[in-house]
Protein backbone atom coordinates (compact mmCIF):
# COMPACT_ATOMS: atom_id res chain seq x y z
CA MET A 1 0.11 -0.15 -0.13
CA ARG A 2 2.58 1.81 0.94
CA ARG A 3 4.45 1.12 -2.58
CA PHE A 4 1.20 1.98 -4.47
CA LEU A 5 0.93 5.76 -2.64
CA LEU A 6 4.39 6.68 -3.19
CA ILE A 7 4.36 5.49 -6.86
CA LEU A 8 1.15 7.71 -6.98
CA LEU A 9 2.91 10.97 -5.36
CA ILE A 10 5.75 10.36 -7.70
CA LEU A 11 3.69 10.65 -10.67
CA ALA A 12 1.64 13.71 -9.55
CA VAL A 13 4.89 15.29 -8.59
CA ILE A 14 6.44 14.51 -12.10
CA ALA A 15 2.47 15.48 -13.53
CA ALA A 16 2.94 19.32 -11.75
CA GLY A 17 6.47 19.00 -13.40
CA VAL A 18 5.45 18.29 -16.66
CA ALA A 19 2.46 20.91 -16.34
CA GLU A 20 4.56 23.53 -14.89
CA TRP A 21 7.23 23.07 -18.03
CA ALA A 22 4.47 23.23 -20.64
CA ASN A 23 3.07 26.10 -19.02
CA ALA A 24 5.87 28.06 -19.06
CA ALA A 25 7.12 26.97 -23.25
CA TRP A 26 3.70 28.01 -23.96
CA ASP A 27 4.16 31.61 -22.78
CA ALA A 28 7.60 30.89 -23.81
CA PRO A 29 9.15 33.39 -27.12
CA GLY A 30 9.73 31.25 -29.96
CA PRO A 31 11.94 30.20 -33.08
CA PRO A 32 13.33 33.25 -34.35
CA ALA A 33 12.07 33.94 -38.31
CA ILE A 34 13.98 32.35 -41.16
CA SER A 35 16.42 34.13 -43.15
CA GLY A 36 15.68 37.62 -40.18
CA GLU A 37 12.38 38.32 -41.77
CA LYS A 38 9.55 39.90 -39.13
CA GLU A 39 7.06 37.57 -40.24
CA THR A 40 6.79 34.01 -41.46
CA VAL A 41 3.40 33.21 -43.78
CA VAL A 42 1.81 30.18 -42.60
CA LEU A 43 -1.56 28.68 -45.14
CA ILE A 44 -3.71 26.50 -42.97
CA ALA A 45 -6.25 24.95 -45.34
CA PRO A 46 -9.77 24.33 -44.53
CA GLY A 47 -10.95 21.66 -42.76
CA SER A 48 -7.23 20.84 -40.96
CA ARG A 49 -7.46 19.17 -37.73
CA THR A 50 -5.42 20.16 -35.04
CA ARG A 51 -2.51 17.58 -35.53
CA ASP A 52 -2.31 19.01 -39.08
CA ILE A 53 -2.34 22.65 -37.79
CA ALA A 54 0.78 21.74 -35.06
CA ARG A 55 2.62 20.05 -38.51
CA ALA A 56 2.15 22.63 -40.23
CA LEU A 57 3.35 25.16 -38.14
CA GLU A 58 6.22 22.93 -37.19
CA LYS A 59 7.27 22.63 -40.82
CA LYS A 60 7.14 26.29 -41.00
CA ARG A 61 9.58 26.88 -37.80
CA VAL A 62 7.35 28.87 -36.13
CA LEU A 63 7.25 26.22 -33.13
CA LYS A 64 9.54 23.99 -31.95
CA TYR A 65 7.22 21.27 -31.26
CA ALA A 66 3.98 20.09 -32.78
CA LEU A 67 3.13 17.75 -29.69
CA LEU A 68 3.83 19.73 -27.16
CA PHE A 69 1.69 22.60 -28.76
CA GLN A 70 -0.98 19.88 -29.62
CA PHE A 71 -0.90 19.29 -25.80
CA ASP A 72 -1.24 22.13 -24.16
CA LEU A 73 -3.65 23.60 -26.42
CA ALA A 74 -5.59 20.17 -25.32
CA LEU A 75 -4.89 21.55 -22.03
CA LYS A 76 -6.77 24.73 -22.95
CA ARG A 77 -9.45 23.38 -24.28
CA LEU A 78 -10.12 21.82 -21.12
CA PHE A 79 -11.10 25.52 -19.65
CA ASP A 80 -11.99 27.20 -22.47
CA PRO A 81 -13.15 25.56 -25.45
CA LYS A 82 -13.78 29.17 -28.17
CA ALA A 83 -10.25 30.69 -27.69
CA ALA A 84 -8.75 27.11 -28.85
CA THR A 85 -10.74 26.11 -31.27
CA LEU A 86 -8.17 27.31 -34.65
CA LYS A 87 -9.38 28.60 -37.74
CA ALA A 88 -7.86 27.89 -41.28
CA GLY A 89 -7.11 30.90 -43.29
CA GLU A 90 -3.26 32.71 -44.10
CA TYR A 91 -1.46 34.71 -41.47
CA ALA A 92 2.09 36.28 -40.77
CA ILE A 93 3.26 34.78 -37.91
CA PRO A 94 5.36 37.73 -36.00
CA SER A 95 9.24 36.33 -35.56
CA GLN A 96 9.39 34.59 -32.37
CA ALA A 97 5.94 34.77 -31.82
CA SER A 98 4.91 32.75 -28.39
CA MET A 99 2.73 29.48 -28.99
CA ALA A 100 0.32 31.39 -26.94
CA THR A 101 0.84 34.45 -30.09
CA ILE A 102 -0.05 31.63 -31.77
CA ALA A 103 -3.29 30.12 -30.83
CA LYS A 104 -4.46 33.42 -30.54
CA ILE A 105 -4.02 34.67 -33.65
CA LEU A 106 -5.26 31.29 -35.02
CA ALA A 107 -8.03 31.13 -32.93
CA GLU A 108 -9.63 34.87 -33.86
CA GLY A 109 -8.80 34.50 -37.45
CA LYS A 110 -6.89 36.84 -38.51
CA SER A 111 -6.06 36.37 -41.66
CA ILE A 112 -3.91 38.45 -43.53
CA GLN A 113 -5.38 40.76 -45.74
CA HIS A 114 -5.24 41.08 -49.46
CA LYS A 115 -6.29 44.46 -51.19
CA LEU A 116 -7.73 45.22 -54.89
CA THR A 117 -7.33 49.02 -55.68
CA ILE A 118 -9.59 49.80 -58.13
CA ALA A 119 -8.86 53.04 -59.78
CA GLU A 120 -11.76 55.94 -61.10
CA GLY A 121 -12.18 56.05 -64.59
CA LEU A 122 -11.85 52.09 -65.66
CA THR A 123 -14.36 50.14 -67.73
CA SER A 124 -15.83 47.08 -66.18
CA ASP A 125 -13.82 45.45 -68.75
CA MET A 126 -11.13 46.53 -67.76
CA VAL A 127 -11.33 46.00 -63.75
CA LEU A 128 -12.57 42.23 -64.84
CA LYS A 129 -9.40 41.63 -66.25
CA LEU A 130 -7.42 43.10 -62.69
CA LEU A 131 -9.31 40.56 -61.36
CA GLN A 132 -8.33 37.61 -63.30
CA LEU A 133 -4.99 38.50 -63.03
CA ASP A 134 -4.94 38.79 -59.52
CA PRO A 135 -3.72 35.75 -58.03
CA VAL A 136 -5.12 35.72 -54.61
CA LEU A 137 -8.84 35.58 -56.09
CA VAL A 138 -10.00 32.38 -57.21
CA GLY A 139 -13.00 30.95 -59.03
CA ASP A 140 -14.62 32.43 -62.56
CA ALA A 141 -15.39 35.92 -62.26
CA GLY A 142 -18.44 35.33 -65.20
CA PRO A 143 -19.62 37.79 -67.66
CA VAL A 144 -18.33 41.48 -67.77
CA PRO A 145 -19.86 43.93 -65.52
CA GLU A 146 -22.85 46.41 -67.00
CA GLU A 147 -20.71 49.43 -67.61
CA GLY A 148 -20.94 52.05 -64.78
CA SER A 149 -22.15 49.64 -62.22
CA LEU A 150 -18.71 49.21 -60.11
CA LEU A 151 -17.34 51.90 -57.54
CA PRO A 152 -14.04 52.49 -57.43
CA GLU A 153 -12.21 51.86 -54.20
CA THR A 154 -9.30 50.10 -52.77
CA TYR A 155 -10.69 46.33 -51.69
CA LEU A 156 -9.65 44.04 -48.83
CA PHE A 157 -9.68 40.51 -48.92
CA THR A 158 -8.60 37.28 -47.52
CA ARG A 159 -7.52 34.19 -49.85
CA GLY A 160 -9.68 32.19 -51.07
CA GLU A 161 -11.95 35.44 -51.89
CA THR A 162 -13.88 34.34 -55.16
CA ARG A 163 -13.77 36.96 -58.06
CA ALA A 164 -17.65 36.85 -58.35
CA HIS A 165 -17.78 38.07 -54.67
CA LEU A 166 -15.60 40.67 -54.79
CA LEU A 167 -17.32 41.97 -57.98
CA ALA A 168 -20.63 41.21 -56.18
CA GLN A 169 -19.41 43.59 -53.82
CA MET A 170 -18.54 46.08 -55.83
CA ALA A 171 -21.39 46.54 -57.55
CA LYS A 172 -23.32 46.44 -53.62
CA ALA A 173 -20.62 49.56 -52.56
CA GLN A 174 -21.62 51.46 -55.65
CA ALA A 175 -25.65 51.12 -55.28
CA LYS A 176 -25.67 51.69 -51.91
CA PHE A 177 -23.21 55.18 -52.18
CA LEU A 178 -25.71 56.06 -55.05
CA GLU A 179 -28.70 55.58 -52.48
CA GLU A 180 -27.29 57.81 -50.36
CA LYS A 181 -26.25 60.49 -52.94
CA TRP A 182 -29.97 60.70 -54.83
CA ALA A 183 -31.49 61.39 -51.89
CA ALA A 184 -29.55 64.22 -51.03
CA ARG A 185 -29.30 65.28 -54.58
CA ASP A 186 -30.03 69.02 -55.52
CA PRO A 187 -33.50 69.54 -55.67
CA ASN A 188 -33.32 71.77 -58.88
CA THR A 189 -31.14 68.83 -61.06
CA SER A 190 -31.95 67.99 -64.26
CA LEU A 191 -31.11 64.66 -64.08
CA LYS A 192 -34.21 62.26 -63.84
CA SER A 193 -32.59 59.16 -62.82
CA VAL A 194 -30.20 57.43 -61.04
CA ARG A 195 -28.66 56.14 -64.37
CA ASP A 196 -28.67 59.70 -66.06
CA ALA A 197 -26.40 60.59 -62.87
CA VAL A 198 -23.96 57.92 -63.25
CA ILE A 199 -23.59 58.27 -67.23
CA LEU A 200 -22.81 62.33 -66.76
CA ALA A 201 -20.57 61.27 -63.77
CA SER A 202 -18.20 58.83 -65.94
CA ILE A 203 -18.04 61.92 -68.68
CA VAL A 204 -16.87 64.35 -65.72
CA GLU A 205 -14.92 61.61 -64.45
CA LYS A 206 -13.08 61.44 -68.02
CA GLU A 207 -12.76 65.06 -68.28
CA THR A 208 -10.64 66.00 -64.86
CA SER A 209 -8.89 64.13 -63.09
CA LEU A 210 -8.37 67.35 -60.48
CA PRO A 211 -11.15 66.53 -57.42
CA GLN A 212 -11.57 70.44 -57.02
CA GLU A 213 -12.94 70.58 -60.76
CA ARG A 214 -15.55 68.17 -60.86
CA ARG A 215 -18.24 69.99 -59.99
CA HIS A 216 -17.86 72.93 -61.99
CA ILE A 217 -17.79 70.93 -65.06
CA ALA A 218 -20.15 69.15 -64.23
CA ALA A 219 -22.12 72.29 -63.86
CA VAL A 220 -21.12 73.08 -67.09
CA PHE A 221 -22.64 69.76 -68.95
CA LEU A 222 -26.04 69.92 -67.31
CA ASN A 223 -26.56 73.70 -68.26
CA ARG A 224 -25.92 72.49 -72.02
CA LEU A 225 -28.20 70.15 -71.23
CA LYS A 226 -30.78 72.21 -69.91
CA ILE A 227 -30.23 74.49 -72.96
CA GLY A 228 -30.63 71.63 -75.82
CA MET A 229 -26.82 72.27 -76.03
CA ARG A 230 -24.38 68.84 -77.16
CA LEU A 231 -21.66 67.84 -74.95
CA GLN A 232 -19.51 67.98 -77.75
CA THR A 233 -16.90 65.30 -75.70
CA ASP A 234 -13.83 63.15 -76.96
CA PRO A 235 -14.44 60.88 -74.42
CA THR A 236 -17.60 59.76 -75.71
CA VAL A 237 -16.36 59.10 -79.08
CA ILE A 238 -13.36 57.04 -78.60
CA TYR A 239 -15.61 54.91 -75.89
CA GLY A 240 -17.88 54.53 -79.21
CA LEU A 241 -14.45 53.18 -81.09
CA THR A 242 -12.67 51.05 -78.40
CA LYS A 243 -15.49 50.75 -75.44
CA GLY A 244 -13.02 53.03 -73.53
CA TYR A 245 -9.57 51.91 -74.26
CA PRO A 246 -7.07 54.25 -75.62
CA LEU A 247 -7.18 54.54 -79.09
CA GLY A 248 -3.48 55.75 -79.98
CA ARG A 249 -4.25 58.11 -82.28
CA GLY A 250 -6.13 61.44 -83.06
CA ILE A 251 -10.18 61.32 -83.19
CA ARG A 252 -10.61 61.46 -87.52
CA GLN A 253 -12.83 63.53 -88.98
CA SER A 254 -15.13 60.90 -90.32
CA GLU A 255 -15.63 59.73 -86.30
CA LEU A 256 -16.22 63.06 -85.90
CA ASP A 257 -19.24 63.34 -88.19
CA ALA A 258 -20.59 59.51 -87.94
CA ALA A 259 -23.96 59.35 -86.45
CA THR A 260 -23.06 56.93 -83.60
CA PRO A 261 -24.94 55.83 -80.57
CA TYR A 262 -21.45 57.44 -78.70
CA ASN A 263 -20.84 60.61 -80.66
CA THR A 264 -21.70 63.65 -78.48
CA TYR A 265 -20.75 65.92 -81.44
CA VAL A 266 -24.12 64.53 -83.13
CA ILE A 267 -26.33 63.08 -80.63
CA ALA A 268 -28.11 65.14 -78.45
CA GLY A 269 -28.36 64.71 -75.41
CA LEU A 270 -26.67 62.36 -73.08
CA PRO A 271 -24.78 59.32 -74.48
CA PRO A 272 -26.83 55.66 -74.35
CA GLY A 273 -24.44 54.37 -71.20
CA PRO A 274 -21.74 55.44 -68.45
CA ILE A 275 -18.20 55.35 -70.58
CA CYS A 276 -16.76 54.28 -67.66
CA ASN A 277 -17.00 53.53 -63.75
CA PRO A 278 -16.87 56.97 -62.07
CA GLY A 279 -15.30 57.48 -58.96
CA LYS A 280 -17.56 59.31 -55.70
CA ASP A 281 -16.30 62.41 -56.30
CA SER A 282 -17.70 63.01 -59.44
CA LEU A 283 -20.97 60.82 -58.72
CA ALA A 284 -21.20 63.86 -56.08
CA ALA A 285 -20.79 66.31 -57.98
CA VAL A 286 -22.86 65.87 -61.04
CA LEU A 287 -25.89 65.39 -58.13
CA ASN A 288 -24.24 68.25 -56.20
CA PRO A 289 -22.87 70.90 -59.07
CA GLU A 290 -21.50 73.88 -58.81
CA GLN A 291 -23.38 76.87 -58.89
CA SER A 292 -22.76 78.70 -62.43
CA ASP A 293 -23.66 79.42 -65.73
CA ASP A 294 -20.60 78.39 -67.43
CA LEU A 295 -21.16 77.12 -70.29
CA PHE A 296 -17.40 76.29 -71.48
CA PHE A 297 -14.23 74.75 -70.28
CA VAL A 298 -10.63 74.51 -71.55
CA ALA A 299 -7.25 73.33 -70.87
CA THR A 300 -4.78 75.50 -69.34
CA GLY A 301 -1.94 73.66 -70.19
CA HIS A 302 -0.67 73.53 -65.63
CA GLY A 303 -3.37 70.87 -65.25
CA GLY A 304 -6.51 72.51 -64.96
CA HIS A 305 -9.12 73.99 -66.71
CA VAL A 306 -10.83 77.79 -67.71
CA PHE A 307 -14.02 78.45 -67.97
CA ALA A 308 -16.46 80.60 -70.19
CA SER A 309 -19.55 81.67 -69.91
CA THR A 310 -19.71 83.24 -73.65
CA ILE A 311 -18.48 81.99 -77.12
CA SER A 312 -16.28 85.63 -76.68
CA GLU A 313 -14.61 84.33 -73.69
CA GLN A 314 -14.08 80.62 -74.51
CA ALA A 315 -12.36 81.98 -77.52
CA ARG A 316 -9.85 84.10 -75.55
CA ASN A 317 -9.43 81.57 -73.56
CA VAL A 318 -8.84 79.40 -76.72
CA THR A 319 -6.55 81.58 -78.27
CA ALA A 320 -4.19 81.41 -74.73
CA TYR A 321 -4.27 77.66 -74.76
CA ARG A 322 -3.09 77.80 -78.70
CA ALA A 323 -0.07 80.44 -77.24
CA PHE A 324 0.97 78.12 -74.37
CA GLU A 325 0.67 75.15 -76.70
CA LYS A 326 3.14 76.66 -79.24
CA LYS A 327 5.82 77.93 -76.93
CA GLN A 328 5.44 74.63 -75.04
CA GLN A 329 6.26 73.03 -78.52
CA ALA A 330 9.10 74.97 -79.51
CA ALA A 331 11.08 74.65 -76.52
CA GLN A 332 11.19 71.10 -76.40
CA SER A 333 13.96 68.79 -78.06
CA PRO A 334 13.30 67.03 -79.73
CA PRO A 335 9.62 68.12 -80.61
CA ALA A 336 7.08 67.42 -78.24
CA ARG A 337 4.77 64.47 -79.48
CA ALA A 338 1.17 66.18 -80.52
CA VAL A 339 -1.54 66.18 -78.15
CA GLU A 340 -3.55 63.17 -78.87
CA THR A 341 -7.21 64.26 -79.56
CA ASN A 342 -8.38 62.23 -76.97
CA GLY A 343 -7.62 64.42 -74.40
CA ARG A 344 -4.44 62.47 -73.42
CA ALA A 345 -1.10 63.31 -73.78
CA ASP A 346 2.38 61.70 -72.00
CA GLY A 347 -0.79 60.52 -69.05
CA THR A 348 -1.87 63.76 -68.66
CA THR A 349 -5.35 65.11 -68.88
CA VAL A 350 -5.53 67.82 -71.13
CA THR A 351 -8.61 69.31 -72.90
CA VAL A 352 -8.23 69.21 -76.40
CA LEU A 353 -9.87 72.63 -77.51
CA ASP A 354 -12.68 74.54 -80.04
CA PRO A 355 -10.34 76.78 -82.60
CA SER A 356 -14.10 77.23 -83.90
CA LEU A 357 -16.99 77.49 -81.01
CA PRO A 358 -21.02 76.76 -81.93
CA LYS A 359 -23.22 78.66 -82.07
CA LEU A 360 -26.02 78.34 -78.78
CA PRO A 361 -28.24 76.69 -78.71
CA ALA A 362 -27.44 75.02 -82.05
CA THR A 363 -24.06 73.75 -83.04
CA GLN A 364 -23.34 74.41 -86.94
CA ARG A 365 -20.51 72.18 -87.90
CA GLN A 366 -17.63 74.07 -90.16
CA LYS A 367 -14.49 72.64 -92.13
CA LYS A 368 -12.08 73.20 -89.54
CA ARG A 369 -13.93 71.17 -86.74
CA ALA A 370 -14.84 72.34 -83.40
CA ARG A 371 -13.53 70.04 -80.43
CA HIS A 372 -15.42 69.76 -77.73
CA ARG A 373 -17.05 73.08 -75.52
C-alpha cells in the first residue's frame, strides 16, 4: 500500500512538473523567422485538424514542437473551448511568437488582408481583367459587369475570396453610395434618374483628374443639357470606337461626323450608357454641381481648366492655350509629341480645344472641326 501511494506521489510530482514546464513553454518566445524576416506566412487549409495545423506550423519553423503545441492546446480547451478553436486562413506569424500568441492569432481568425485598388475611370472590362490577373482570388469572375455599375475603391479580402463575390461587393458598394447621394441631391437637378447621373458622372470622370474641378465641369454639362446644346466631349466618341481603351491616335474627322450612339458631337443629350465606372467625387459632383452659368471649358496647360459662359470668353481662352501650346512645343527638343485629340498626352489629362465654337443652342459644324466646349 505504501509503495502504491509512493508511486502515486511520484507520478503526481512528475505530472505537476510537466504541467509547469508545458505552461512555461506555452508563453516562451518561439524560434526566430527564417532569414531574419519579421514574420512568417502560414496557410492553414479549411478542414485542417489540430494535428495537421501543429505540423504545418512546425514545418514552417514558427514553433519547435508540434506535439507540445497539441498538448498545451488540449489543456487550454478544458477551460476555454472557444479560445482554443483554430480557424483556417492565411496568417502572418511574428518572429519569435510564443505558442500562446500563435494560438490566439489562429483562434481569432486574423487572416492576412490582401487588397485590390480599382482606379476611377476604368471600364468594367478593365476591372474584370484586373480581377482575373490577381493570384490570390479564386473562381470564375463571370461575364463583364454592366458598364458603370462598379464603385472604384480599394477592396480588402482574404486568400480564397472568389472573383464573383468581390465583383458583387463592388456593385453593392456603388448602389449604396448612389442611394445616399441621390436622396441628398440638389432639388433643382435636371437629371431624371440614377442611371442618368452615372452616365454624366462617367463623362465628368474622363474630363478631369482634379477633384476640385468636377462640380464645375458637371455644371457646364448640365447647363448644356438644359438648353439643348450638345455635350461635344471626346471621351464619349472614343468609347464608341474602343469601349474605353486608348485610341492610340487622334480622332478622325469621319469619326466625328459619324452618327453613332456615343458621338456627342452628333447626338443630343446623354449617350445611351456610361463610358466608365466613375468614382465617388464625380458621382457626387453631378448630383450637387457648382452654381455656375458656364457653358465652356478649356485646358490651361497646367493640369486644370479655365471656364467661360460666353463664346467670346471661350475664344480668348482658346487663343491663350494655343499660344501656350506653341511655346511649349518650341521649347522642347526633340519636338514634343502632338497632343492627342482623345484628350490625353503623356499621361496627363488635357482637353483638346475648339478653334471654332458652336452657336447656342445649335451646333453648326465648320470645315475645321470645333473640338468640344
